[in-house]
Amino acid sequence: METPNLVERRQAVRAKRVLGIQYRLTKSKVKGGDAKWHLSTTHDMSTLGLSFLSDVPYHMDDVLELEVVMSG
């Protein structure tokens, strides 16, 4: 079975890039947010953003600080 053609709606092309990152919440309208550093890896990235999985749920207006973790 063939998959249907999917139309790309993103404004920037995303490239598959797997990098280690650490991230934390720096600003939220919800009180009691978790500001500890967490580790993850990127799924893909573009000039307008990146995708990664998080164990912590965030809200649309939350601001996160991200750092790329480089070994060596």
PDB file of N, CA and C in Angstrom:
ATOM      1  N   MET A   1       0.836  -1.177   0.000  1.00  0.00           N
ATOM      2  CA  MET A   1       0.000   0.000   0.000  1.00  0.00           C
ATOM      3  C   MET A   1       0.885   1.245   0.000  1.00  0.00           C
ATOM      4  N   GLU A   2       0.599   2.187  -0.872  1.00  0.00           N
ATOM      5  CA  GLU A   2       1.364   3.419  -0.938  1.00  0.00           C
ATOM      6  C   GLU A   2       0.825   4.424   0.065  1.00  0.00           C
ATOM      7  N   THR A   3       1.748   5.219   0.619  1.00  0.00           N
ATOM      8  CA  THR A   3       1.313   6.290   1.513  1.00  0.00           C
ATOM      9  C   THR A   3       0.946   7.500   0.660  1.00  0.00           C
ATOM     10  N   PRO A   4      -0.069   8.247   1.076  1.00  0.00           N
ATOM     11  CA  PRO A   4      -0.471   9.422   0.289  1.00  0.00           C
ATOM     12  C   PRO A   4       0.600  10.512   0.363  1.00  0.00           C
ATOM     13  N   ASN A   5       0.641  11.367  -0.660  1.00  0.00           N
ATOM     14  CA  ASN A   5       1.572  12.497  -0.640  1.00  0.00           C
ATOM     15  C   ASN A   5       1.180  13.454   0.472  1.00  0.00           C
ATOM     16  N   LEU A   6       2.139  13.791   1.312  1.00  0.00           N
ATOM     17  CA  LEU A   6       1.898  14.739   2.377  1.00  0.00           C
ATOM     18  C   LEU A   6       2.469  16.092   1.978  1.00  0.00           C
ATOM     19  N   VAL A   7       1.712  17.142   2.184  1.00  0.00           N
ATOM     20  CA  VAL A   7       2.159  18.489   1.840  1.00  0.00           C
ATOM     21  C   VAL A   7       2.933  19.058   3.017  1.00  0.00           C
ATOM     22  N   GLU A   8       4.145  19.526   2.757  1.00  0.00           N
ATOM     23  CA  GLU A   8       4.976  20.133   3.790  1.00  0.00           C
ATOM     24  C   GLU A   8       4.469  21.550   4.049  1.00  0.00           C
ATOM     25  N   ARG A   9       4.076  21.829   5.297  1.00  0.00           N
ATOM     26  CA  ARG A   9       3.553  23.146   5.643  1.00  0.00           C
ATOM     27  C   ARG A   9       4.554  23.989   6.423  1.00  0.00           C
ATOM     28  N   ARG A  10       5.703  23.436   6.734  1.00  0.00           N
ATOM     29  CA  ARG A  10       6.700  24.192   7.483  1.00  0.00           C
ATOM     30  C   ARG A  10       7.310  25.273   6.602  1.00  0.00           C
ATOM     31  N   GLN A  11       7.734  26.364   7.242  1.00  0.00           N
ATOM     32  CA  GLN A  11       8.325  27.475   6.501  1.00  0.00           C
ATOM     33  C   GLN A  11       9.820  27.271   6.251  1.00  0.00           C
ATOM     34  N   ALA A  12      10.439  26.343   6.953  1.00  0.00           N
ATOM     35  CA  ALA A  12      11.860  26.055   6.761  1.00  0.00           C
ATOM     36  C   ALA A  12      12.038  24.541   6.654  1.00  0.00           C
ATOM     37  N   VAL A  13      12.974  24.134   5.850  1.00  0.00           N
ATOM     38  CA  VAL A  13      13.248  22.712   5.676  1.00  0.00           C
ATOM     39  C   VAL A  13      13.928  22.182   6.929  1.00  0.00           C
ATOM     40  N   ARG A  14      13.440  21.052   7.428  1.00  0.00           N
ATOM     41  CA  ARG A  14      14.040  20.438   8.601  1.00  0.00           C
ATOM     42  C   ARG A  14      14.999  19.343   8.184  1.00  0.00           C
ATOM     43  N   ALA A  15      16.129  19.299   8.866  1.00  0.00           N
ATOM     44  CA  ALA A  15      17.139  18.276   8.604  1.00  0.00           C
ATOM     45  C   ALA A  15      17.205  17.343   9.801  1.00  0.00           C
ATOM     46  N   LYS A  16      17.348  16.051   9.529  1.00  0.00           N
ATOM     47  CA  LYS A  16      17.508  15.080  10.611  1.00  0.00           C
ATOM     48  C   LYS A  16      18.872  15.312  11.256  1.00  0.00           C
ATOM     49  N   ARG A  17      18.899  15.796  12.475  1.00  0.00           N
ATOM     50  CA  ARG A  17      20.141  16.031  13.213  1.00  0.00           C
ATOM     51  C   ARG A  17      19.933  15.530  14.632  1.00  0.00           C
ATOM     52  N   VAL A  18      20.773  14.627  15.059  1.00  0.00           N
ATOM     53  CA  VAL A  18      20.676  14.105  16.410  1.00  0.00           C
ATOM     54  C   VAL A  18      21.838  14.672  17.215  1.00  0.00           C
ATOM     55  N   LEU A  19      21.514  15.561  18.140  1.00  0.00           N
ATOM     56  CA  LEU A  19      22.502  16.188  19.014  1.00  0.00           C
ATOM     57  C   LEU A  19      22.020  16.067  20.448  1.00  0.00           C
ATOM     58  N   GLY A  20      22.944  15.921  21.376  1.00  0.00           N
ATOM     59  CA  GLY A  20      22.588  15.930  22.786  1.00  0.00           C
ATOM     60  C   GLY A  20      22.311  17.354  23.231  1.00  0.00           C
ATOM     61  N   ILE A  21      21.233  17.539  23.989  1.00  0.00           N
ATOM     62  CA  ILE A  21      20.910  18.874  24.517  1.00  0.00           C
ATOM     63  C   ILE A  21      20.535  18.757  25.983  1.00  0.00           C
ATOM     64  N   GLN A  22      20.645  19.880  26.674  1.00  0.00           N
ATOM     65  CA  GLN A  22      20.034  20.001  27.986  1.00  0.00           C
ATOM     66  C   GLN A  22      19.128  21.226  27.926  1.00  0.00           C
ATOM     67  N   TYR A  23      18.032  21.171  28.654  1.00  0.00           N
ATOM     68  CA  TYR A  23      17.042  22.241  28.579  1.00  0.00           C
ATOM     69  C   TYR A  23      16.404  22.445  29.937  1.00  0.00           C
ATOM     70  N   ARG A  24      15.895  23.659  30.140  1.00  0.00           N
ATOM     71  CA  ARG A  24      15.173  23.970  31.377  1.00  0.00           C
ATOM     72  C   ARG A  24      14.178  25.086  31.113  1.00  0.00           C
ATOM     73  N   LEU A  25      13.185  25.143  31.965  1.00  0.00           N
ATOM     74  CA  LEU A  25      12.155  26.173  31.894  1.00  0.00           C
ATOM     75  C   LEU A  25      12.711  27.457  32.501  1.00  0.00           C
ATOM     76  N   THR A  26      12.612  28.565  31.769  1.00  0.00           N
ATOM     77  CA  THR A  26      13.082  29.841  32.315  1.00  0.00           C
ATOM     78  C   THR A  26      11.947  30.833  32.565  1.00  0.00           C
ATOM     79  N   LYS A  27      10.812  30.654  31.878  1.00  0.00           N
ATOM     80  CA  LYS A  27       9.697  31.584  32.060  1.00  0.00           C
ATOM     81  C   LYS A  27       8.394  30.865  31.756  1.00  0.00           C
ATOM     82  N   SER A  28       7.418  31.002  32.672  1.00  0.00           N
ATOM     83  CA  SER A  28       6.126  30.362  32.470  1.00  0.00           C
ATOM     84  C   SER A  28       5.038  31.166  33.166  1.00  0.00           C
ATOM     85  N   LYS A  29       3.840  31.156  32.604  1.00  0.00           N
ATOM     86  CA  LYS A  29       2.694  31.800  33.247  1.00  0.00           C
ATOM     87  C   LYS A  29       2.102  30.904  34.328  1.00  0.00           C
ATOM     88  N   VAL A  30       2.479  29.617  34.293  1.00  0.00           N
ATOM     89  CA  VAL A  30       1.992  28.649  35.271  1.00  0.00           C
ATOM     90  C   VAL A  30       2.968  28.603  36.443  1.00  0.00           C
ATOM     91  N   LYS A  31       2.456  28.759  37.646  1.00  0.00           N
ATOM     92  CA  LYS A  31       3.324  28.739  38.825  1.00  0.00           C
ATOM     93  C   LYS A  31       3.767  27.317  39.149  1.00  0.00           C
ATOM     94  N   GLY A  32       4.935  27.209  39.762  1.00  0.00           N
ATOM     95  CA  GLY A  32       5.430  25.911  40.190  1.00  0.00           C
ATOM     96  C   GLY A  32       6.062  25.093  39.084  1.00  0.00           C
ATOM     97  N   GLY A  33       6.538  25.752  38.028  1.00  0.00           N
ATOM     98  CA  GLY A  33       7.173  25.032  36.928  1.00  0.00           C
ATOM     99  C   GLY A  33       8.524  24.462  37.338  1.00  0.00           C
ATOM    100  N   ASP A  34       8.914  23.389  36.710  1.00  0.00           N
ATOM    101  CA  ASP A  34      10.165  22.706  36.986  1.00  0.00           C
ATOM    102  C   ASP A  34      11.307  23.426  36.270  1.00  0.00           C
ATOM    103  N   ALA A  35      12.231  24.060  37.022  1.00  0.00           N
ATOM    104  CA  ALA A  35      13.331  24.819  36.422  1.00  0.00           C
ATOM    105  C   ALA A  35      14.647  24.041  36.426  1.00  0.00           C
ATOM    106  N   LYS A  36      14.595  22.736  36.740  1.00  0.00           N
ATOM    107  CA  LYS A  36      15.815  21.927  36.727  1.00  0.00           C
ATOM    108  C   LYS A  36      16.236  21.633  35.286  1.00  0.00           C
ATOM    109  N   TRP A  37      17.538  21.360  35.114  1.00  0.00           N
ATOM    110  CA  TRP A  37      18.043  20.964  33.805  1.00  0.00           C
ATOM    111  C   TRP A  37      17.617  19.528  33.504  1.00  0.00           C
ATOM    112  N   HIS A  38      17.253  19.260  32.260  1.00  0.00           N
ATOM    113  CA  HIS A  38      16.887  17.928  31.784  1.00  0.00           C
ATOM    114  C   HIS A  38      17.701  17.622  30.535  1.00  0.00           C
ATOM    115  N   LEU A  39      17.946  16.344  30.277  1.00  0.00           N
ATOM    116  CA  LEU A  39      18.706  15.922  29.105  1.00  0.00           C
ATOM    117  C   LEU A  39      17.792  15.293  28.056  1.00  0.00           C
ATOM    118  N   SER A  40      18.140  15.471  26.798  1.00  0.00           N
ATOM    119  CA  SER A  40      17.409  14.858  25.698  1.00  0.00           C
ATOM    120  C   SER A  40      18.293  14.864  24.457  1.00  0.00           C
ATOM    121  N   THR A  41      17.752  14.416  23.346  1.00  0.00           N
ATOM    122  CA  THR A  41      18.426  14.515  22.054  1.00  0.00           C
ATOM    123  C   THR A  41      17.457  15.125  21.053  1.00  0.00           C
ATOM    124  N   THR A  42      18.008  15.828  20.099  1.00  0.00           N
ATOM    125  CA  THR A  42      17.164  16.423  19.067  1.00  0.00           C
ATOM    126  C   THR A  42      16.693  15.343  18.111  1.00  0.00           C
ATOM    127  N   HIS A  43      15.568  15.609  17.492  1.00  0.00           N
ATOM    128  CA  HIS A  43      15.021  14.719  16.461  1.00  0.00           C
ATOM    129  C   HIS A  43      15.335  15.295  15.089  1.00  0.00           C
ATOM    130  N   ASP A  44      15.010  16.557  14.910  1.00  0.00           N
ATOM    131  CA  ASP A  44      15.361  17.283  13.700  1.00  0.00           C
ATOM    132  C   ASP A  44      15.443  18.763  14.021  1.00  0.00           C
ATOM    133  N   MET A  45      16.018  19.530  13.101  1.00  0.00           N
ATOM    134  CA  MET A  45      16.167  20.965  13.342  1.00  0.00           C
ATOM    135  C   MET A  45      16.158  21.735  12.037  1.00  0.00           C
ATOM    136  N   SER A  46      15.861  23.034  12.150  1.00  0.00           N
ATOM    137  CA  SER A  46      15.873  23.939  10.999  1.00  0.00           C
ATOM    138  C   SER A  46      16.363  25.292  11.484  1.00  0.00           C
ATOM    139  N   THR A  47      16.355  26.262  10.602  1.00  0.00           N
ATOM    140  CA  THR A  47      16.754  27.616  10.992  1.00  0.00           C
ATOM    141  C   THR A  47      15.714  28.276  11.891  1.00  0.00           C
ATOM    142  N   LEU A  48      14.502  27.716  11.952  1.00  0.00           N
ATOM    143  CA  LEU A  48      13.436  28.307  12.762  1.00  0.00           C
ATOM    144  C   LEU A  48      13.132  27.539  14.047  1.00  0.00           C
ATOM    145  N   GLY A  49      13.774  26.404  14.261  1.00  0.00           N
ATOM    146  CA  GLY A  49      13.487  25.657  15.486  1.00  0.00           C
ATOM    147  C   GLY A  49      14.053  24.260  15.448  1.00  0.00           C
ATOM    148  N   LEU A  50      13.752  23.522  16.517  1.00  0.00           N
ATOM    149  CA  LEU A  50      14.185  22.137  16.583  1.00  0.00           C
ATOM    150  C   LEU A  50      13.134  21.317  17.301  1.00  0.00           C
ATOM    151  N   SER A  51      13.201  20.023  17.078  1.00  0.00           N
ATOM    152  CA  SER A  51      12.251  19.096  17.684  1.00  0.00           C
ATOM    153  C   SER A  51      13.017  18.154  18.598  1.00  0.00           C
ATOM    154  N   PHE A  52      12.479  17.971  19.817  1.00  0.00           N
ATOM    155  CA  PHE A  52      13.071  17.017  20.749  1.00  0.00           C
ATOM    156  C   PHE A  52      11.994  16.489  21.671  1.00  0.00           C
ATOM    157  N   LEU A  53      12.238  15.340  22.268  1.00  0.00           N
ATOM    158  CA  LEU A  53      11.293  14.757  23.215  1.00  0.00           C
ATOM    159  C   LEU A  53      11.609  15.240  24.617  1.00  0.00           C
ATOM    160  N   SER A  54      10.563  15.466  25.404  1.00  0.00           N
ATOM    161  CA  SER A  54      10.715  15.942  26.770  1.00  0.00           C
ATOM    162  C   SER A  54       9.878  15.075  27.708  1.00  0.00           C
ATOM    163  N   ASP A  55      10.431  14.788  28.878  1.00  0.00           N
ATOM    164  CA  ASP A  55       9.682  14.072  29.910  1.00  0.00           C
ATOM    165  C   ASP A  55       8.744  15.007  30.661  1.00  0.00           C
ATOM    166  N   VAL A  56       8.939  16.304  30.489  1.00  0.00           N
ATOM    167  CA  VAL A  56       8.174  17.320  31.207  1.00  0.00           C
ATOM    168  C   VAL A  56       7.200  17.988  30.237  1.00  0.00           C
ATOM    169  N   PRO A  57       5.917  18.084  30.592  1.00  0.00           N
ATOM    170  CA  PRO A  57       4.975  18.787  29.705  1.00  0.00           C
ATOM    171  C   PRO A  57       5.137  20.306  29.833  1.00  0.00           C
ATOM    172  N   TYR A  58       5.155  20.998  28.715  1.00  0.00           N
ATOM    173  CA  TYR A  58       5.259  22.458  28.718  1.00  0.00           C
ATOM    174  C   TYR A  58       4.040  23.063  28.050  1.00  0.00           C
ATOM    175  N   HIS A  59       3.814  24.360  28.305  1.00  0.00           N
ATOM    176  CA  HIS A  59       2.692  25.082  27.727  1.00  0.00           C
ATOM    177  C   HIS A  59       3.171  25.933  26.554  1.00  0.00           C
ATOM    178  N   MET A  60       2.247  26.361  25.723  1.00  0.00           N
ATOM    179  CA  MET A  60       2.566  27.079  24.497  1.00  0.00           C
ATOM    180  C   MET A  60       3.434  28.324  24.732  1.00  0.00           C
ATOM    181  N   ASP A  61       3.204  29.102  25.771  1.00  0.00           N
ATOM    182  CA  ASP A  61       3.954  30.341  25.995  1.00  0.00           C
ATOM    183  C   ASP A  61       5.176  30.169  26.893  1.00  0.00           C
ATOM    184  N   ASP A  62       5.496  28.945  27.304  1.00  0.00           N
ATOM    185  CA  ASP A  62       6.680  28.720  28.132  1.00  0.00           C
ATOM    186  C   ASP A  62       7.941  29.048  27.339  1.00  0.00           C
ATOM    187  N   VAL A  63       8.949  29.565  28.061  1.00  0.00           N
ATOM    188  CA  VAL A  63      10.242  29.868  27.452  1.00  0.00           C
ATOM    189  C   VAL A  63      11.263  28.890  28.020  1.00  0.00           C
ATOM    190  N   LEU A  64      11.979  28.206  27.118  1.00  0.00           N
ATOM    191  CA  LEU A  64      12.986  27.227  27.523  1.00  0.00           C
ATOM    192  C   LEU A  64      14.372  27.729  27.161  1.00  0.00           C
ATOM    193  N   GLU A  65      15.332  27.403  27.993  1.00  0.00           N
ATOM    194  CA  GLU A  65      16.737  27.638  27.672  1.00  0.00           C
ATOM    195  C   GLU A  65      17.302  26.302  27.221  1.00  0.00           C
ATOM    196  N   LEU A  66      17.983  26.302  26.081  1.00  0.00           N
ATOM    197  CA  LEU A  66      18.562  25.085  25.518  1.00  0.00           C
ATOM    198  C   LEU A  66      20.068  25.225  25.388  1.00  0.00           C
ATOM    199  N   GLU A  67      20.781  24.156  25.675  1.00  0.00           N
ATOM    200  CA  GLU A  67      22.229  24.123  25.464  1.00  0.00           C
ATOM    201  C   GLU A  67      22.576  22.841  24.733  1.00  0.00           C
ATOM    202  N   VAL A  68      23.412  22.947  23.729  1.00  0.00           N
ATOM    203  CA  VAL A  68      23.894  21.776  23.011  1.00  0.00           C
ATOM    204  C   VAL A  68      25.010  21.149  23.832  1.00  0.00           C
ATOM    205  N   VAL A  69      24.906  19.854  24.054  1.00  0.00           N
ATOM    206  CA  VAL A  69      25.896  19.136  24.862  1.00  0.00           C
ATOM    207  C   VAL A  69      26.894  18.495  23.895  1.00  0.00           C
ATOM    208  N   MET A  70      28.133  18.976  23.932  1.00  0.00           N
ATOM    209  CA  MET A  70      29.178  18.449  23.051  1.00  0.00           C
ATOM    210  C   MET A  70      30.143  17.631  23.887  1.00  0.00           C
ATOM    211  N   SER A  71      30.443  16.417  23.433  1.00  0.00           N
ATOM    212  CA  SER A  71      31.404  15.604  24.160  1.00  0.00           C
ATOM    213  C   SER A  71      32.802  15.846  23.609  1.00  0.00           C
ATOM    214  N   GLY A  72      33.803  15.641  24.455  1.00  0.00           N
ATOM    215  CA  GLY A  72      35.192  15.794  24.040  1.00  0.00           C
ATOM    216  C   GLY A  72      35.576  17.179  24.051  1.00  0.00           C
TER     217      GLY A  72
END
